[in-house]
Every structure is written in structure tokens, then in C-alpha cells.
Protein backbone atom coordinates (compact mmCIF):
# COMPACT_ATOMS: atom_id res chain seq x y z
CA MET A 1 -9.98 -4.90 155.70
CA ASN A 2 -6.32 -4.72 155.52
CA LYS A 3 -5.23 -2.69 152.34
CA LYS A 4 -2.46 -5.67 151.54
CA ILE A 5 -5.44 -7.89 151.02
CA LEU A 6 -7.55 -5.75 149.38
CA SER A 7 -4.38 -4.88 147.29
CA TYR A 8 -3.94 -8.83 146.68
CA GLN A 9 -7.62 -9.28 145.78
CA ASP A 10 -7.54 -6.09 143.09
CA GLU A 11 -4.33 -7.97 141.59
CA LEU A 12 -5.99 -11.14 141.15
CA LYS A 13 -8.72 -9.90 139.54
CA GLN A 14 -6.64 -8.10 136.75
CA GLU A 15 -4.40 -11.38 136.86
CA LEU A 16 -7.59 -13.76 135.90
CA ASP A 17 -8.26 -10.86 133.15
CA SER A 18 -4.82 -11.18 131.90
CA ILE A 19 -4.04 -15.21 132.31
CA LEU A 20 -7.46 -15.64 130.09
CA THR A 21 -6.33 -12.65 127.37
CA TYR A 22 -3.26 -14.68 126.40
CA TRP A 23 -5.62 -18.16 126.10
CA ILE A 24 -7.96 -16.35 123.83
CA ASN A 25 -5.55 -14.76 121.74
CA ARG A 26 -3.13 -17.38 121.29
CA THR A 27 -4.96 -20.80 121.37
CA ILE A 28 -7.99 -20.91 120.05
CA ASP A 29 -7.54 -22.96 117.00
CA ASN A 30 -9.69 -21.57 113.65
CA THR A 31 -9.18 -24.54 111.25
CA ASN A 32 -9.70 -27.91 113.46
CA GLY A 33 -11.90 -26.06 116.25
CA GLY A 34 -11.44 -26.43 119.85
CA PHE A 35 -7.96 -25.20 120.82
CA VAL A 36 -4.28 -25.93 119.97
CA GLY A 37 -2.73 -28.67 121.25
CA ARG A 38 1.15 -27.10 122.10
CA ILE A 39 2.73 -23.70 122.10
CA ASP A 40 6.77 -24.00 122.55
CA GLU A 41 8.62 -22.02 124.72
CA ASN A 42 8.89 -19.48 121.98
CA GLU A 43 5.41 -18.92 121.62
CA ASP A 44 5.40 -20.91 118.17
CA ILE A 45 1.83 -22.58 117.65
CA ASP A 46 2.62 -26.44 116.71
CA HIS A 47 -0.57 -27.05 114.64
CA ASN A 48 -0.13 -30.51 114.33
CA SER A 49 -0.08 -31.49 117.80
CA SER A 50 -2.13 -33.61 120.00
CA LYS A 51 -5.21 -32.79 122.21
CA GLY A 52 -5.03 -33.88 125.52
CA LEU A 53 -8.17 -34.53 127.25
CA VAL A 54 -6.69 -32.89 130.57
CA LEU A 55 -6.05 -29.92 128.84
CA ASN A 56 -9.35 -29.37 126.90
CA SER A 57 -11.58 -30.32 130.38
CA ARG A 58 -9.21 -27.94 132.17
CA LEU A 59 -9.98 -25.42 129.83
CA LEU A 60 -13.69 -26.00 129.99
CA TRP A 61 -13.56 -25.67 133.73
CA THR A 62 -10.96 -22.37 133.56
CA PHE A 63 -13.51 -20.72 131.38
CA SER A 64 -16.82 -21.83 133.11
CA ALA A 65 -15.29 -20.63 136.38
CA ALA A 66 -14.66 -17.80 134.96
CA TYR A 67 -17.56 -16.88 133.54
CA ASN A 68 -19.36 -17.53 136.97
CA GLN A 69 -16.83 -15.44 138.69
CA THR A 70 -17.47 -12.50 136.48
CA LYS A 71 -20.21 -12.74 134.23
CA ASN A 72 -17.82 -12.41 130.91
CA GLU A 73 -19.82 -13.22 128.10
CA ILE A 74 -16.24 -13.79 126.36
CA TYR A 75 -15.26 -16.91 128.53
CA LEU A 76 -18.89 -18.47 128.28
CA HIS A 77 -18.83 -18.52 124.63
CA LEU A 78 -15.26 -20.16 125.60
CA ALA A 79 -16.77 -22.82 127.59
CA TYR A 80 -18.97 -23.59 124.79
CA ARG A 81 -16.22 -24.01 122.58
CA ALA A 82 -14.62 -26.22 124.85
CA TYR A 83 -17.61 -28.42 125.96
CA SER A 84 -18.47 -29.03 121.69
CA PHE A 85 -15.31 -30.17 121.47
CA ILE A 86 -14.72 -32.66 124.35
CA THR A 87 -18.56 -33.87 123.17
CA ILE A 88 -17.91 -34.35 119.86
CA HIS A 89 -14.59 -35.80 119.95
CA PHE A 90 -13.04 -37.00 123.08
CA LYS A 91 -16.66 -39.05 124.25
CA ASP A 92 -16.24 -42.37 123.98
CA VAL A 93 -20.03 -43.42 122.61
CA GLU A 94 -19.52 -47.22 122.27
CA PHE A 95 -17.74 -48.32 125.45
CA GLY A 96 -18.13 -44.91 127.64
CA GLY A 97 -15.77 -42.15 129.06
CA VAL A 98 -13.76 -40.38 127.57
CA TYR A 99 -10.50 -40.90 125.40
CA TRP A 100 -7.18 -39.75 126.70
CA THR A 101 -6.19 -38.52 123.31
CA VAL A 102 -7.03 -36.74 119.91
CA ASP A 103 -4.69 -35.99 117.10
CA ALA A 104 -4.97 -31.90 115.70
CA ASP A 105 -8.18 -33.43 113.51
CA GLY A 106 -10.46 -34.09 116.80
CA LYS A 107 -10.06 -37.78 115.33
CA PRO A 108 -8.94 -40.81 118.56
CA LEU A 109 -5.65 -41.34 119.33
CA ASP A 110 -5.10 -43.12 122.68
CA LYS A 111 -8.45 -44.68 123.25
CA ARG A 112 -7.14 -45.54 127.06
CA LYS A 113 -9.29 -44.50 130.18
CA GLN A 114 -6.97 -43.11 132.31
CA ILE A 115 -9.63 -42.19 135.60
CA TYR A 116 -7.30 -38.96 136.52
CA GLY A 117 -8.64 -37.63 132.61
CA LEU A 118 -12.39 -38.46 133.42
CA ALA A 119 -11.86 -37.10 136.68
CA PHE A 120 -11.04 -33.53 134.98
CA CYS A 121 -13.81 -33.94 132.55
CA GLN A 122 -16.14 -34.31 134.64
CA TYR A 123 -14.97 -31.33 137.00
CA GLY A 124 -15.01 -28.94 133.41
CA LEU A 125 -18.76 -30.50 132.89
CA THR A 126 -19.99 -29.37 136.72
CA GLU A 127 -18.94 -26.26 136.29
CA PHE A 128 -20.09 -25.90 133.39
CA TYR A 129 -23.16 -26.62 134.30
CA LYS A 130 -23.23 -24.04 136.80
CA ALA A 131 -22.61 -21.74 133.92
CA THR A 132 -25.39 -22.57 131.84
CA LYS A 133 -27.91 -25.13 133.26
CA ASN A 134 -27.25 -27.46 130.13
CA ASP A 135 -28.77 -30.67 131.61
CA LYS A 136 -26.96 -32.34 128.76
CA ALA A 137 -23.78 -31.47 130.35
CA LYS A 138 -25.03 -32.20 134.06
CA GLU A 139 -26.50 -35.92 132.66
CA PHE A 140 -22.60 -36.48 130.79
CA ALA A 141 -21.26 -35.77 134.32
CA ILE A 142 -23.75 -37.80 136.52
CA ASP A 143 -22.69 -40.62 133.63
CA LEU A 144 -18.70 -39.88 134.27
CA PHE A 145 -19.54 -40.25 137.77
CA ASN A 146 -21.13 -44.18 137.26
CA ILE A 147 -18.52 -45.44 135.30
CA ILE A 148 -15.97 -44.45 137.64
CA GLU A 149 -17.61 -46.18 140.24
CA LYS A 150 -18.70 -49.29 138.08
CA TYR A 151 -14.79 -49.59 137.03
CA SER A 152 -12.74 -47.89 138.40
CA PHE A 153 -13.62 -48.27 142.46
CA ASP A 154 -12.06 -50.56 144.50
CA ASN A 155 -14.92 -52.43 146.86
CA ILE A 156 -12.73 -54.49 148.99
CA ASN A 157 -9.67 -51.67 149.55
CA LEU A 158 -11.39 -48.41 148.49
CA GLY A 159 -10.33 -45.90 146.26
CA TYR A 160 -10.01 -46.10 142.56
CA PHE A 161 -7.78 -48.21 140.00
CA GLU A 162 -5.61 -45.66 137.68
CA ALA A 163 -6.28 -46.57 134.08
CA PHE A 164 -7.74 -49.52 131.38
CA THR A 165 -7.63 -49.90 128.21
CA GLN A 166 -10.93 -48.49 126.00
CA ASP A 167 -13.19 -51.49 126.87
CA TRP A 168 -12.24 -51.26 130.43
CA LYS A 169 -10.03 -54.44 130.92
CA GLU A 170 -6.65 -54.19 132.74
CA ILE A 171 -4.02 -52.41 131.53
CA ASP A 172 0.40 -52.99 131.43
CA ASP A 173 1.06 -48.98 132.03
CA LEU A 174 -1.22 -46.72 134.63
CA ARG A 175 1.04 -43.95 133.92
CA LEU A 176 -0.36 -40.38 133.96
CA SER A 177 2.97 -39.54 132.53
CA LYS A 178 6.34 -41.03 131.81
CA LYS A 179 7.49 -39.70 135.02
CA ASP A 180 5.15 -41.17 137.31
CA ASP A 181 5.66 -45.08 138.92
CA ASN A 182 3.76 -47.54 137.36
CA GLU A 183 1.17 -48.78 140.18
CA LYS A 184 -2.70 -49.24 140.74
CA LYS A 185 -3.23 -46.69 142.81
CA THR A 186 -2.10 -42.82 143.44
CA MET A 187 -2.48 -40.11 145.32
CA ASN A 188 -3.07 -37.77 142.20
CA THR A 189 -5.74 -39.29 140.70
CA HIS A 190 -7.32 -40.03 144.55
CA LEU A 191 -6.94 -36.23 145.19
CA HIS A 192 -8.46 -35.18 141.48
CA VAL A 193 -11.36 -37.75 141.99
CA ILE A 194 -12.26 -36.48 145.53
CA GLU A 195 -12.34 -32.46 144.05
CA SER A 196 -14.37 -33.47 140.97
CA TYR A 197 -16.93 -35.60 143.25
CA ALA A 198 -17.09 -32.17 145.45
CA ASN A 199 -18.21 -30.39 142.36
CA LEU A 200 -21.01 -32.87 141.32
CA TYR A 201 -21.75 -32.67 144.74
CA LYS A 202 -22.86 -29.16 144.47
CA ILE A 203 -25.17 -29.51 141.62
CA TRP A 204 -26.26 -33.02 141.91
CA PRO A 205 -26.45 -33.41 146.08
CA ASN A 206 -27.14 -37.61 145.44
CA PRO A 207 -26.33 -39.48 148.88
CA LYS A 208 -24.08 -42.05 146.78
CA VAL A 209 -21.76 -38.92 146.00
CA LYS A 210 -21.51 -37.39 149.72
CA ILE A 211 -20.64 -41.82 150.24
CA GLN A 212 -17.88 -41.96 148.17
CA ILE A 213 -16.09 -38.40 149.37
CA GLN A 214 -16.42 -39.66 153.07
CA ASN A 215 -14.54 -42.55 151.58
CA LEU A 216 -12.06 -40.80 149.89
CA LEU A 217 -11.39 -38.63 153.31
CA LYS A 218 -11.06 -41.98 154.95
CA VAL A 219 -8.00 -43.10 152.19
CA PHE A 220 -6.49 -39.85 152.17
CA HIS A 221 -6.65 -39.80 156.49
CA ASN A 222 -5.61 -43.33 156.40
CA TYR A 223 -3.29 -43.95 153.18
CA ILE A 224 -2.52 -40.97 151.53
CA ILE A 225 -1.22 -38.70 154.36
CA ASN A 226 1.64 -39.26 156.44
CA LEU A 227 0.26 -38.62 159.85
CA GLU A 228 3.98 -38.46 160.82
CA THR A 229 5.55 -36.34 158.54
CA ASN A 230 2.15 -34.78 156.64
CA HIS A 231 3.15 -35.17 153.37
CA LEU A 232 1.33 -37.02 150.89
CA ASN A 233 2.32 -40.59 150.29
CA LEU A 234 1.97 -40.45 146.36
CA PHE A 235 1.89 -44.12 145.11
CA PHE A 236 0.87 -47.76 145.97
CA ASP A 237 -0.56 -51.04 145.52
CA GLU A 238 -4.09 -52.08 145.47
CA ASN A 239 -3.83 -53.22 149.18
CA TRP A 240 -2.42 -49.63 150.14
CA THR A 241 1.11 -50.17 150.12
CA ILE A 242 3.32 -47.59 149.86
CA LYS A 243 5.69 -47.89 146.79
CA SER A 244 7.46 -44.47 147.00
CA ASP A 245 9.31 -41.78 149.69
CA LEU A 246 8.80 -39.17 147.05
CA VAL A 247 7.45 -35.97 148.37
CA SER A 248 5.32 -32.95 145.91
CA TYR A 249 6.14 -29.60 147.75
CA GLY A 250 2.54 -28.54 144.82
CA HIS A 251 0.98 -31.47 145.70
CA ASP A 252 0.99 -30.96 149.65
CA ILE A 253 -0.12 -27.51 149.66
CA GLU A 254 -2.90 -28.33 147.12
CA ALA A 255 -4.36 -31.28 149.26
CA ALA A 256 -4.53 -29.22 152.31
CA TRP A 257 -7.26 -26.68 150.83
CA LEU A 258 -9.01 -29.30 148.58
CA LEU A 259 -9.68 -32.08 151.25
CA LEU A 260 -11.03 -29.84 153.91
CA GLU A 261 -13.04 -27.88 150.94
CA ALA A 262 -14.59 -31.56 149.86
CA ALA A 263 -15.60 -32.04 153.76
CA GLU A 264 -17.32 -28.56 154.16
CA VAL A 265 -18.98 -29.19 150.55
CA ILE A 266 -20.90 -32.02 151.92
CA SER A 267 -21.22 -30.74 155.79
CA ASP A 268 -19.55 -33.71 157.34
CA HIS A 269 -18.68 -31.75 160.71
CA ARG A 270 -16.58 -34.29 161.87
CA TRP A 271 -14.31 -34.95 158.93
CA ILE A 272 -14.27 -31.05 158.92
CA GLU A 273 -12.54 -30.46 161.95
CA ILE A 274 -10.59 -33.36 161.39
CA PHE A 275 -8.89 -31.55 157.91
CA LYS A 276 -8.76 -28.19 159.22
CA GLN A 277 -5.88 -29.92 161.63
CA ILE A 278 -5.19 -31.85 159.15
CA SER A 279 -4.97 -28.80 156.65
CA ILE A 280 -2.52 -26.51 158.91
CA ASN A 281 -0.31 -29.77 159.60
CA ILE A 282 0.00 -30.40 155.61
CA THR A 283 0.96 -26.57 155.22
CA GLU A 284 3.48 -26.55 157.72
CA ALA A 285 5.33 -29.73 155.71
CA ALA A 286 5.08 -28.14 152.70
CA LEU A 287 6.37 -24.50 153.67
CA THR A 288 10.06 -27.28 154.36
CA GLY A 289 9.75 -26.72 150.64
CA LEU A 290 9.71 -23.16 150.58
CA ASP A 291 12.66 -21.60 149.22
CA LYS A 292 14.47 -18.66 151.39
CA ASN A 293 14.51 -16.81 148.83
CA GLY A 294 10.71 -17.26 147.41
CA GLY A 295 9.12 -19.95 145.86
CA LEU A 296 8.17 -23.77 146.49
CA TRP A 297 10.68 -25.92 145.27
CA TYR A 298 9.27 -28.92 143.29
CA GLU A 299 10.09 -32.21 144.62
CA TYR A 300 12.50 -33.95 147.26
CA LEU A 301 13.38 -37.75 147.37
CA PRO A 302 14.23 -38.45 150.92
CA ALA A 303 16.36 -41.56 150.22
CA LYS A 304 18.81 -39.79 148.25
CA ASP A 305 18.08 -36.66 150.37
CA LEU A 306 17.65 -34.92 146.63
CA LEU A 307 15.74 -31.72 146.25
CA VAL A 308 14.24 -31.29 142.75
CA THR A 309 15.64 -26.68 142.87
CA GLU A 310 12.76 -26.22 140.38
CA LYS A 311 10.26 -24.18 140.87
CA HIS A 312 7.28 -25.08 138.66
CA TRP A 313 4.26 -22.50 137.79
CA TRP A 314 1.48 -24.61 139.32
CA PRO A 315 2.90 -25.40 143.03
CA GLN A 316 3.45 -21.50 142.91
CA ALA A 317 -0.37 -21.41 142.46
CA GLU A 318 -1.47 -23.97 144.69
CA ALA A 319 0.58 -22.30 148.12
CA MET A 320 -0.81 -19.20 147.20
CA VAL A 321 -4.31 -20.42 147.96
CA GLY A 322 -2.77 -23.37 150.36
CA LEU A 323 -1.15 -20.85 152.43
CA PHE A 324 -4.44 -18.28 152.29
CA ASN A 325 -6.41 -21.19 153.61
CA ALA A 326 -4.42 -21.71 156.77
CA TYR A 327 -4.55 -18.01 157.36
CA GLN A 328 -8.60 -18.46 157.25
CA ILE A 329 -8.53 -20.80 159.81
CA THR A 330 -5.87 -19.88 161.79
CA HIS A 331 -6.08 -16.41 161.71
CA ASN A 332 -2.00 -16.33 161.80
CA ASN A 333 -0.37 -13.33 159.89
CA LYS A 334 2.47 -15.68 158.89
CA TYR A 335 0.65 -17.26 156.46
CA LEU A 336 -0.80 -14.13 154.55
CA THR A 337 2.57 -12.81 154.56
CA LEU A 338 3.36 -16.12 152.95
CA SER A 339 0.96 -16.39 150.52
CA LEU A 340 1.21 -12.56 149.25
CA GLN A 341 5.26 -13.36 149.08
CA THR A 342 4.82 -16.40 147.16
CA TRP A 343 2.10 -14.22 144.61
CA SER A 344 5.44 -11.59 144.40
CA PHE A 345 8.27 -13.95 143.64
CA VAL A 346 5.43 -15.40 140.70
CA LYS A 347 5.03 -11.48 139.71
CA LYS A 348 8.84 -11.20 139.80
CA HIS A 349 9.80 -14.75 137.77
CA ILE A 350 6.99 -16.66 136.75
CA LYS A 351 4.44 -14.47 135.07
CA ASP A 352 5.62 -13.86 131.68
CA ASN A 353 4.80 -9.53 131.10
CA LYS A 354 6.30 -10.10 127.41
CA PHE A 355 3.82 -12.41 126.05
CA GLY A 356 1.33 -12.92 128.69
CA GLU A 357 0.56 -16.10 130.74
CA TRP A 358 3.03 -17.77 132.81
CA ILE A 359 6.14 -20.14 131.75
CA TRP A 360 6.49 -22.97 132.92
CA GLY A 361 8.82 -22.37 136.05
CA VAL A 362 12.55 -21.65 136.67
CA GLU A 363 16.04 -23.06 137.90
CA ALA A 364 17.16 -22.40 141.29
CA ASP A 365 18.72 -19.42 140.13
CA ASN A 366 15.37 -18.08 138.89
CA SER A 367 16.69 -18.55 135.08
CA PRO A 368 13.41 -19.72 132.83
CA MET A 369 13.62 -23.65 132.25
CA LYS A 370 14.34 -24.51 129.05
CA ASN A 371 12.30 -26.98 126.54
CA GLN A 372 9.15 -26.06 128.72
CA ASP A 373 5.39 -25.99 126.68
CA LYS A 374 3.98 -22.56 127.15
CA VAL A 375 0.43 -24.52 126.62
CA GLY A 376 0.55 -28.30 126.20
CA PHE A 377 -0.77 -31.80 127.63
CA TRP A 378 -0.06 -30.51 130.86
CA LYS A 379 0.08 -26.81 130.94
CA CYS A 380 -3.02 -24.91 131.14
CA PRO A 381 -4.29 -21.96 132.72
CA TYR A 382 -6.16 -24.25 135.20
CA HIS A 383 -3.91 -23.76 138.61
CA ASN A 384 -2.88 -20.55 138.58
CA SER A 385 -6.70 -19.53 136.77
CA ARG A 386 -8.04 -21.32 140.22
CA ALA A 387 -5.52 -19.68 142.47
CA CYS A 388 -7.05 -15.76 141.28
CA ILE A 389 -10.55 -17.03 141.24
CA GLU A 390 -10.23 -18.93 145.00
CA ILE A 391 -8.45 -16.11 147.03
CA VAL A 392 -10.43 -13.42 145.13
CA ASN A 393 -13.78 -15.36 146.56
CA ARG A 394 -12.03 -16.19 150.04
CA ILE A 395 -11.20 -12.36 150.70
CA GLU A 396 -14.73 -11.87 149.69
CA LYS A 397 -16.00 -13.80 153.21
CA LEU A 398 -13.56 -13.03 155.43
């Protein structure tokens, strides 16, 4: 095998350990349980910060997946810690589902039901079940599937509505974050629902799950992927009317491999062949956001011809995987070279060699972005740890 590929594999095995060592040493909350909610760019821990469902669910997935990969008992211990905190503090035993945020002590703070959050919680639970065979975790994951289908699935137009009140009523503000458009359906939520459902199907191959994965593949093919530009449309109304022309290069390249993986998990050969080609098409579209000096730009607004000249940590991780995926499909060394170059960019500019983990991102001149958390609601070890795990496993299969 190519020496560069073997070196890539060895480096990413080490990087997984390096990333998680930071989380083990810096983020365990010995006062209130679970993990701290925020560490700022100066490595100062905010012990009073709220704790988000996304961060904690991703920690559950990450430590479970890392244990499944390495059999390191420390990772399993931390996976149990994340699972315990979620089941005790985030689970809504009255109305079902999980809260969006809790305070530093673990008391419910924002009780809204964000489908994106439920999907990530389910994703973590399914990976935890793989590690532990904990039947309660599996039951919790199945329960979340049934709840999402009951309240969020659009039986008329397909797809899933974004958010609800605690008791599953309509809510005015549907957004994941302040930067998002307030629309009833988004690419981002659908991408992570299909990701989660694919992992659920691995542990619970129920025909209902397979049908909904097929429906989601149809939704991506018919509505979310712009088959002319091969970028993803991001925001929609309930009838799939496109409400934004924003391009997210990181989500493009992430979808390029996740959608094909979902088709492969359910062994749907028709969709596999369709998404093999779509995967390459999306990858090529995402490459328009690859800077000639290395790294993937963040976003592009066509209407204003405005490129957001920031390089966040997570699109780099997804580019590493997406480009390697394209190499596997085509055997074209161009994609392997670009995956390796992206990793080189990460090592040079994104990896924090002083404190550990990866920083939030860099500006156009490669200087670190200011006022961005090292750990926070959105800043977690999911994208970069998953990139390490994915590529190590993919190299094993070459």
C-alpha cells in the first residue's frame, strides 16, 4: 500500500488519542457531573455555562465510537458519563424527547424540542449501544425515532419540521442558532436525521427505519441537492420552496459521503449507484470552496458574490473524509492528494499544538479567529474525531 496512505492512517490514530486526551484532561465537570459547558479561547473554564444537548450527545457518540475503535476502557468510562448525564438531566419524562439546554447544575433551561438535537441524541445512543449492548440505551434511541416520526415527519410533503415547544406544539422561532434562517425545514436537520437513522438501522434493522431512510434519500435527491450546481440548498418552507441561495462548503462535502453511507447501510443498490455519482458531483462542487493555499472556506453568498473567508475546524475534518471517499469511489489520486493536503493544513493552522484539540478556525491570513470557544455548545470533538475514525477504517478496507 502507498506509504503516504499508511502514514496518514498512523497519524490519524495518534490524532484521535490527542483530541480525546484534551477532553479527558480539561472538560470533566467534577462538581455538577457530566462535562463543562464552555472553555474560552484562552483555555479558561466557564463553570457557570449552560450545557447543550448537541455537545453532550456528540460527546456520547465520540467516546462510544472511540471505544468501539480502540477498546480503550477510558473512552468507555467517559461514554458512560455522557450517557448518565443525558438520561438524568436532558430526558423529558413528561412529554418525551430531550431538552435543548440545561444549566450548569443540570436543571432544564430551554425545554424546546429541536429535531436536530433529538437526532444527535439518538446518534449517540446508538453508538453507545454498540459499545455496551445496554438495552435501555437502545430503547431510548427507538423511542426518539418514534417521537420524531410522530411529531416531526411531514406525511404530505416528506421531510421533517424543525422544532416544537416542550409539549410538541408549534413554535415561532425554529432556528438552530441566530445565524440561521427561521424556516420550517432545513438541510442541516435532514442531514443529521439520516445520519442518525442509518446508525439506528445498524442496531435495529426495522423496516420502518429503512423506509424513512429511503424517503430521506428521495428528499435529498429531489429537493435539497441542487442538481445544476451540485451544492446543497439550505432552507425551505414546508412545501420545499427554496428560501436561500447560501452555499455551505462544509455541509456539501459532509453530505457527499454521509448520503452514500446511508444508502449502503440499508443495502439499497439503486440509491447506492445514484449517490455514488452524486457524491462525486457534490465533491467537485465543494472543491470550488477549496483555497489554493489550503483549507476549505466557510460559506459563499451568490446573490452578493460574497465569500466568507474563514476556515472553521469542522469543514476541514469533513473535507478530509469527503475527499478520501471520492478517492475510494474513483481511484483518482487527485482526491487522495487533496485529502492529504487538507490534513497538512489542519496540522499547520488548526491543530492546537500548545494546549491540544483544534481551534475554532482561522482567518484568510491563517491567523486564529478571535472570540471563539475551544469548547462550547457547537465546539466539540465530533467532526474531527469522526474524521480520524472514518479514514483509519477506510484505509483498512483498501
